Amino acid sequence: MAGLGWQELMVILVILMLLFGGKRLPQLASGLGKSIREFKRGVTDSEEARLEETHRRERLNTEASNADVKVDNAPG
């Protein structure tokens, strides 16, 4: 299945112009662009938070295992 060609895109553009008008179309495109940017930012922030949480847990596990080793090696 091939992608959309320029002719199909022109037909879609004409239909959008008829439905929304020339003044409203730039506003819709701007809103769509902002929505996509916010979505990408949210996904990126979510991934960063997940990575930070993973690193924090690994650090805590390492510290806990180091504390166990110190207790085992303590003179007593």
PDB file of N, CA and C in Angstrom:
ATOM      1  N   MET A   1       0.850  -1.181   0.000  1.00  0.00           N
ATOM      2  CA  MET A   1       0.000   0.000   0.000  1.00  0.00           C
ATOM      3  C   MET A   1       0.888   1.234   0.000  1.00  0.00           C
ATOM      4  N   ALA A   2       0.711   2.096  -0.958  1.00  0.00           N
ATOM      5  CA  ALA A   2       1.543   3.281  -1.110  1.00  0.00           C
ATOM      6  C   ALA A   2       1.031   4.409  -0.212  1.00  0.00           C
ATOM      7  N   GLY A   3       1.901   5.397   0.031  1.00  0.00           N
ATOM      8  CA  GLY A   3       1.517   6.569   0.816  1.00  0.00           C
ATOM      9  C   GLY A   3       0.649   7.507  -0.007  1.00  0.00           C
ATOM     10  N   LEU A   4       0.285   8.610   0.599  1.00  0.00           N
ATOM     11  CA  LEU A   4      -0.531   9.593  -0.099  1.00  0.00           C
ATOM     12  C   LEU A   4       0.317  10.383  -1.083  1.00  0.00           C
ATOM     13  N   GLY A   5      -0.183  10.544  -2.266  1.00  0.00           N
ATOM     14  CA  GLY A   5       0.495  11.348  -3.273  1.00  0.00           C
ATOM     15  C   GLY A   5       0.052  12.801  -3.179  1.00  0.00           C
ATOM     16  N   TRP A   6       0.607  13.642  -4.035  1.00  0.00           N
ATOM     17  CA  TRP A   6       0.271  15.066  -3.963  1.00  0.00           C
ATOM     18  C   TRP A   6      -1.175  15.310  -4.374  1.00  0.00           C
ATOM     19  N   GLN A   7      -1.704  14.502  -5.256  1.00  0.00           N
ATOM     20  CA  GLN A   7      -3.095  14.687  -5.684  1.00  0.00           C
ATOM     21  C   GLN A   7      -4.072  14.391  -4.546  1.00  0.00           C
ATOM     22  N   GLU A   8      -3.813  13.330  -3.804  1.00  0.00           N
ATOM     23  CA  GLU A   8      -4.671  13.002  -2.682  1.00  0.00           C
ATOM     24  C   GLU A   8      -4.606  14.076  -1.602  1.00  0.00           C
ATOM     25  N   LEU A   9      -3.384  14.582  -1.374  1.00  0.00           N
ATOM     26  CA  LEU A   9      -3.217  15.645  -0.381  1.00  0.00           C
ATOM     27  C   LEU A   9      -3.962  16.921  -0.793  1.00  0.00           C
ATOM     28  N   MET A  10      -3.949  17.232  -2.080  1.00  0.00           N
ATOM     29  CA  MET A  10      -4.671  18.416  -2.567  1.00  0.00           C
ATOM     30  C   MET A  10      -6.177  18.251  -2.376  1.00  0.00           C
ATOM     31  N   VAL A  11      -6.704  17.067  -2.639  1.00  0.00           N
ATOM     32  CA  VAL A  11      -8.133  16.814  -2.438  1.00  0.00           C
ATOM     33  C   VAL A  11      -8.489  16.976  -0.962  1.00  0.00           C
ATOM     34  N   ILE A  12      -7.655  16.439  -0.085  1.00  0.00           N
ATOM     35  CA  ILE A  12      -7.904  16.573   1.353  1.00  0.00           C
ATOM     36  C   ILE A  12      -7.860  18.043   1.766  1.00  0.00           C
ATOM     37  N   LEU A  13      -6.891  18.794   1.249  1.00  0.00           N
ATOM     38  CA  LEU A  13      -6.776  20.215   1.567  1.00  0.00           C
ATOM     39  C   LEU A  13      -8.003  20.992   1.100  1.00  0.00           C
ATOM     40  N   VAL A  14      -8.492  20.706  -0.086  1.00  0.00           N
ATOM     41  CA  VAL A  14      -9.690  21.384  -0.611  1.00  0.00           C
ATOM     42  C   VAL A  14     -10.903  21.064   0.265  1.00  0.00           C
ATOM     43  N   ILE A  15     -11.037  19.814   0.664  1.00  0.00           N
ATOM     44  CA  ILE A  15     -12.163  19.440   1.528  1.00  0.00           C
ATOM     45  C   ILE A  15     -12.070  20.165   2.869  1.00  0.00           C
ATOM     46  N   LEU A  16     -10.867  20.243   3.431  1.00  0.00           N
ATOM     47  CA  LEU A  16     -10.690  20.957   4.696  1.00  0.00           C
ATOM     48  C   LEU A  16     -11.008  22.440   4.544  1.00  0.00           C
ATOM     49  N   MET A  17     -10.600  23.024   3.427  1.00  0.00           N
ATOM     50  CA  MET A  17     -10.906  24.447   3.181  1.00  0.00           C
ATOM     51  C   MET A  17     -12.410  24.669   3.108  1.00  0.00           C
ATOM     52  N   LEU A  18     -13.115  23.756   2.454  1.00  0.00           N
ATOM     53  CA  LEU A  18     -14.567  23.885   2.345  1.00  0.00           C
ATOM     54  C   LEU A  18     -15.246  23.709   3.697  1.00  0.00           C
ATOM     55  N   LEU A  19     -14.753  22.792   4.504  1.00  0.00           N
ATOM     56  CA  LEU A  19     -15.374  22.533   5.799  1.00  0.00           C
ATOM     57  C   LEU A  19     -15.106  23.639   6.818  1.00  0.00           C
ATOM     58  N   PHE A  20     -13.859  24.092   6.893  1.00  0.00           N
ATOM     59  CA  PHE A  20     -13.477  25.005   7.968  1.00  0.00           C
ATOM     60  C   PHE A  20     -13.226  26.441   7.520  1.00  0.00           C
ATOM     61  N   GLY A  21     -13.013  26.674   6.263  1.00  0.00           N
ATOM     62  CA  GLY A  21     -12.750  28.028   5.790  1.00  0.00           C
ATOM     63  C   GLY A  21     -11.280  28.394   5.896  1.00  0.00           C
ATOM     64  N   GLY A  22     -10.915  29.417   5.170  1.00  0.00           N
ATOM     65  CA  GLY A  22      -9.516  29.843   5.103  1.00  0.00           C
ATOM     66  C   GLY A  22      -8.997  30.463   6.380  1.00  0.00           C
ATOM     67  N   LYS A  23      -9.863  31.131   7.154  1.00  0.00           N
ATOM     68  CA  LYS A  23      -9.411  31.782   8.378  1.00  0.00           C
ATOM     69  C   LYS A  23      -9.228  30.781   9.521  1.00  0.00           C
ATOM     70  N   ARG A  24     -10.050  29.789   9.559  1.00  0.00           N
ATOM     71  CA  ARG A  24     -10.021  28.835  10.675  1.00  0.00           C
ATOM     72  C   ARG A  24      -8.949  27.764  10.486  1.00  0.00           C
ATOM     73  N   LEU A  25      -8.578  27.451   9.272  1.00  0.00           N
ATOM     74  CA  LEU A  25      -7.628  26.381   8.993  1.00  0.00           C
ATOM     75  C   LEU A  25      -6.256  26.621   9.651  1.00  0.00           C
ATOM     76  N   PRO A  26      -5.669  27.819   9.591  1.00  0.00           N
ATOM     77  CA  PRO A  26      -4.383  28.038  10.284  1.00  0.00           C
ATOM     78  C   PRO A  26      -4.497  27.857  11.796  1.00  0.00           C
ATOM     79  N   GLN A  27      -5.624  28.240  12.372  1.00  0.00           N
ATOM     80  CA  GLN A  27      -5.823  28.058  13.809  1.00  0.00           C
ATOM     81  C   GLN A  27      -5.864  26.570  14.160  1.00  0.00           C
ATOM     82  N   LEU A  28      -6.541  25.795  13.330  1.00  0.00           N
ATOM     83  CA  LEU A  28      -6.610  24.354  13.561  1.00  0.00           C
ATOM     84  C   LEU A  28      -5.229  23.716  13.446  1.00  0.00           C
ATOM     85  N   ALA A  29      -4.469  24.124  12.449  1.00  0.00           N
ATOM     86  CA  ALA A  29      -3.126  23.576  12.260  1.00  0.00           C
ATOM     87  C   ALA A  29      -2.220  23.954  13.432  1.00  0.00           C
ATOM     88  N   SER A  30      -2.337  25.177  13.910  1.00  0.00           N
ATOM     89  CA  SER A  30      -1.552  25.625  15.047  1.00  0.00           C
ATOM     90  C   SER A  30      -1.910  24.825  16.300  1.00  0.00           C
ATOM     91  N   GLY A  31      -3.190  24.633  16.533  1.00  0.00           N
ATOM     92  CA  GLY A  31      -3.632  23.850  17.679  1.00  0.00           C
ATOM     93  C   GLY A  31      -3.162  22.409  17.605  1.00  0.00           C
ATOM     94  N   LEU A  32      -3.184  21.841  16.413  1.00  0.00           N
ATOM     95  CA  LEU A  32      -2.711  20.478  16.219  1.00  0.00           C
ATOM     96  C   LEU A  32      -1.212  20.381  16.510  1.00  0.00           C
ATOM     97  N   GLY A  33      -0.452  21.356  16.029  1.00  0.00           N
ATOM     98  CA  GLY A  33       0.993  21.372  16.280  1.00  0.00           C
ATOM     99  C   GLY A  33       1.311  21.477  17.763  1.00  0.00           C
ATOM    100  N   LYS A  34       0.579  22.347  18.480  1.00  0.00           N
ATOM    101  CA  LYS A  34       0.791  22.489  19.922  1.00  0.00           C
ATOM    102  C   LYS A  34       0.436  21.202  20.645  1.00  0.00           C
ATOM    103  N   SER A  35      -0.630  20.560  20.223  1.00  0.00           N
ATOM    104  CA  SER A  35      -1.042  19.302  20.851  1.00  0.00           C
ATOM    105  C   SER A  35       0.024  18.226  20.664  1.00  0.00           C
ATOM    106  N   ILE A  36       0.571  18.137  19.484  1.00  0.00           N
ATOM    107  CA  ILE A  36       1.610  17.134  19.213  1.00  0.00           C
ATOM    108  C   ILE A  36       2.856  17.423  20.045  1.00  0.00           C
ATOM    109  N   ARG A  37       3.242  18.703  20.143  1.00  0.00           N
ATOM    110  CA  ARG A  37       4.402  19.065  20.960  1.00  0.00           C
ATOM    111  C   ARG A  37       4.189  18.694  22.417  1.00  0.00           C
ATOM    112  N   GLU A  38       3.014  18.995  22.958  1.00  0.00           N
ATOM    113  CA  GLU A  38       2.717  18.674  24.353  1.00  0.00           C
ATOM    114  C   GLU A  38       2.711  17.166  24.579  1.00  0.00           C
ATOM    115  N   PHE A  39       2.176  16.421  23.631  1.00  0.00           N
ATOM    116  CA  PHE A  39       2.165  14.965  23.749  1.00  0.00           C
ATOM    117  C   PHE A  39       3.593  14.422  23.790  1.00  0.00           C
ATOM    118  N   LYS A  40       4.447  14.905  22.884  1.00  0.00           N
ATOM    119  CA  LYS A  40       5.835  14.452  22.854  1.00  0.00           C
ATOM    120  C   LYS A  40       6.551  14.821  24.150  1.00  0.00           C
ATOM    121  N   ARG A  41       6.289  16.024  24.654  1.00  0.00           N
ATOM    122  CA  ARG A  41       6.910  16.461  25.906  1.00  0.00           C
ATOM    123  C   ARG A  41       6.451  15.563  27.054  1.00  0.00           C
ATOM    124  N   GLY A  42       5.179  15.217  27.078  1.00  0.00           N
ATOM    125  CA  GLY A  42       4.659  14.341  28.123  1.00  0.00           C
ATOM    126  C   GLY A  42       5.270  12.957  28.061  1.00  0.00           C
ATOM    127  N   VAL A  43       5.428  12.429  26.863  1.00  0.00           N
ATOM    128  CA  VAL A  43       6.042  11.111  26.709  1.00  0.00           C
ATOM    129  C   VAL A  43       7.489  11.153  27.164  1.00  0.00           C
ATOM    130  N   THR A  44       8.217  12.183  26.777  1.00  0.00           N
ATOM    131  CA  THR A  44       9.620  12.325  27.159  1.00  0.00           C
ATOM    132  C   THR A  44       9.751  12.462  28.669  1.00  0.00           C
ATOM    133  N   ASP A  45       8.901  13.296  29.286  1.00  0.00           N
ATOM    134  CA  ASP A  45       8.947  13.476  30.737  1.00  0.00           C
ATOM    135  C   ASP A  45       8.634  12.169  31.448  1.00  0.00           C
ATOM    136  N   SER A  46       7.690  11.425  30.916  1.00  0.00           N
ATOM    137  CA  SER A  46       7.322  10.139  31.514  1.00  0.00           C
ATOM    138  C   SER A  46       8.484   9.158  31.447  1.00  0.00           C
ATOM    139  N   GLU A  47       9.163   9.102  30.311  1.00  0.00           N
ATOM    140  CA  GLU A  47      10.304   8.206  30.158  1.00  0.00           C
ATOM    141  C   GLU A  47      11.430   8.613  31.095  1.00  0.00           C
ATOM    142  N   GLU A  48      11.682   9.923  31.223  1.00  0.00           N
ATOM    143  CA  GLU A  48      12.737  10.396  32.108  1.00  0.00           C
ATOM    144  C   GLU A  48      12.416  10.059  33.561  1.00  0.00           C
ATOM    145  N   ALA A  49      11.160  10.224  33.955  1.00  0.00           N
ATOM    146  CA  ALA A  49      10.761   9.897  35.323  1.00  0.00           C
ATOM    147  C   ALA A  49      10.926   8.406  35.588  1.00  0.00           C
ATOM    148  N   ARG A  50      10.582   7.571  34.611  1.00  0.00           N
ATOM    149  CA  ARG A  50      10.726   6.129  34.766  1.00  0.00           C
ATOM    150  C   ARG A  50      12.201   5.753  34.914  1.00  0.00           C
ATOM    151  N   LEU A  51      13.071   6.370  34.104  1.00  0.00           N
ATOM    152  CA  LEU A  51      14.502   6.089  34.198  1.00  0.00           C
ATOM    153  C   LEU A  51      15.071   6.546  35.534  1.00  0.00           C
ATOM    154  N   GLU A  52      14.658   7.722  36.002  1.00  0.00           N
ATOM    155  CA  GLU A  52      15.125   8.216  37.294  1.00  0.00           C
ATOM    156  C   GLU A  52      14.704   7.270  38.415  1.00  0.00           C
ATOM    157  N   GLU A  53      13.479   6.782  38.364  1.00  0.00           N
ATOM    158  CA  GLU A  53      12.988   5.846  39.374  1.00  0.00           C
ATOM    159  C   GLU A  53      13.782   4.542  39.334  1.00  0.00           C
ATOM    160  N   THR A  54      14.097   4.056  38.141  1.00  0.00           N
ATOM    161  CA  THR A  54      14.885   2.834  37.998  1.00  0.00           C
ATOM    162  C   THR A  54      16.280   3.032  38.582  1.00  0.00           C
ATOM    163  N   HIS A  55      16.918   4.172  38.281  1.00  0.00           N
ATOM    164  CA  HIS A  55      18.255   4.458  38.810  1.00  0.00           C
ATOM    165  C   HIS A  55      18.214   4.590  40.330  1.00  0.00           C
ATOM    166  N   ARG A  56      17.169   5.208  40.844  1.00  0.00           N
ATOM    167  CA  ARG A  56      17.037   5.378  42.292  1.00  0.00           C
ATOM    168  C   ARG A  56      16.921   4.010  42.968  1.00  0.00           C
ATOM    169  N   ARG A  57      16.111   3.126  42.404  1.00  0.00           N
ATOM    170  CA  ARG A  57      15.957   1.780  42.979  1.00  0.00           C
ATOM    171  C   ARG A  57      17.255   0.996  42.912  1.00  0.00           C
ATOM    172  N   GLU A  58      17.966   1.102  41.797  1.00  0.00           N
ATOM    173  CA  GLU A  58      19.251   0.406  41.679  1.00  0.00           C
ATOM    174  C   GLU A  58      20.237   0.922  42.714  1.00  0.00           C
ATOM    175  N   ARG A  59      20.257   2.237  42.919  1.00  0.00           N
ATOM    176  CA  ARG A  59      21.151   2.850  43.893  1.00  0.00           C
ATOM    177  C   ARG A  59      20.805   2.361  45.306  1.00  0.00           C
ATOM    178  N   LEU A  60      19.505   2.300  45.626  1.00  0.00           N
ATOM    179  CA  LEU A  60      19.089   1.826  46.944  1.00  0.00           C
ATOM    180  C   LEU A  60      19.452   0.359  47.135  1.00  0.00           C
ATOM    181  N   ASN A  61      19.269  -0.456  46.097  1.00  0.00           N
ATOM    182  CA  ASN A  61      19.631  -1.871  46.191  1.00  0.00           C
ATOM    183  C   ASN A  61      21.135  -2.038  46.406  1.00  0.00           C
ATOM    184  N   THR A  62      21.929  -1.228  45.710  1.00  0.00           N
ATOM    185  CA  THR A  62      23.381  -1.294  45.856  1.00  0.00           C
ATOM    186  C   THR A  62      23.790  -0.883  47.263  1.00  0.00           C
ATOM    187  N   GLU A  63      23.191   0.187  47.774  1.00  0.00           N
ATOM    188  CA  GLU A  63      23.499   0.642  49.122  1.00  0.00           C
ATOM    189  C   GLU A  63      23.088  -0.401  50.158  1.00  0.00           C
ATOM    190  N   ALA A  64      21.950  -1.033  49.946  1.00  0.00           N
ATOM    191  CA  ALA A  64      21.483  -2.053  50.882  1.00  0.00           C
ATOM    192  C   ALA A  64      22.414  -3.263  50.869  1.00  0.00           C
ATOM    193  N   SER A  65      22.854  -3.689  49.702  1.00  0.00           N
ATOM    194  CA  SER A  65      23.761  -4.843  49.636  1.00  0.00           C
ATOM    195  C   SER A  65      25.127  -4.483  50.215  1.00  0.00           C
ATOM    196  N   ASN A  66      25.576  -3.246  50.060  1.00  0.00           N
ATOM    197  CA  ASN A  66      26.839  -2.805  50.663  1.00  0.00           C
ATOM    198  C   ASN A  66      26.726  -2.790  52.185  1.00  0.00           C
ATOM    199  N   ALA A  67      25.575  -2.391  52.694  1.00  0.00           N
ATOM    200  CA  ALA A  67      25.367  -2.373  54.142  1.00  0.00           C
ATOM    201  C   ALA A  67      25.362  -3.800  54.679  1.00  0.00           C
ATOM    202  N   ASP A  68      24.801  -4.744  53.940  1.00  0.00           N
ATOM    203  CA  ASP A  68      24.808  -6.143  54.359  1.00  0.00           C
ATOM    204  C   ASP A  68      26.228  -6.676  54.423  1.00  0.00           C
ATOM    205  N   VAL A  69      27.054  -6.329  53.472  1.00  0.00           N
ATOM    206  CA  VAL A  69      28.436  -6.778  53.443  1.00  0.00           C
ATOM    207  C   VAL A  69      29.199  -6.211  54.632  1.00  0.00           C
ATOM    208  N   LYS A  70      28.983  -4.947  54.976  1.00  0.00           N
ATOM    209  CA  LYS A  70      29.668  -4.312  56.115  1.00  0.00           C
ATOM    210  C   LYS A  70      29.264  -4.994  57.412  1.00  0.00           C
ATOM    211  N   VAL A  71      27.982  -5.336  57.549  1.00  0.00           N
ATOM    212  CA  VAL A  71      27.512  -5.995  58.767  1.00  0.00           C
ATOM    213  C   VAL A  71      28.131  -7.384  58.876  1.00  0.00           C
ATOM    214  N   ASP A  72      28.226  -8.120  57.783  1.00  0.00           N
ATOM    215  CA  ASP A  72      28.804  -9.455  57.782  1.00  0.00           C
ATOM    216  C   ASP A  72      30.298  -9.419  58.117  1.00  0.00           C
ATOM    217  N   ASN A  73      30.990  -8.373  57.708  1.00  0.00           N
ATOM    218  CA  ASN A  73      32.429  -8.273  57.947  1.00  0.00           C
ATOM    219  C   ASN A  73      32.773  -7.575  59.256  1.00  0.00           C
ATOM    220  N   ALA A  74      31.801  -7.135  59.985  1.00  0.00           N
ATOM    221  CA  ALA A  74      32.062  -6.416  61.231  1.00  0.00           C
ATOM    222  C   ALA A  74      32.654  -7.377  62.261  1.00  0.00           C
ATOM    223  N   PRO A  75      33.651  -6.891  63.009  1.00  0.00           N
ATOM    224  CA  PRO A  75      34.237  -7.766  64.049  1.00  0.00           C
ATOM    225  C   PRO A  75      33.209  -7.992  65.150  1.00  0.00           C
ATOM    226  N   GLY A  76      33.160  -9.169  65.640  1.00  0.00           N
ATOM    227  CA  GLY A  76      32.168  -9.361  66.661  1.00  0.00           C
ATOM    228  C   GLY A  76      32.293 -10.571  67.364  1.00  0.00           C
TER     229      GLY A  76
END
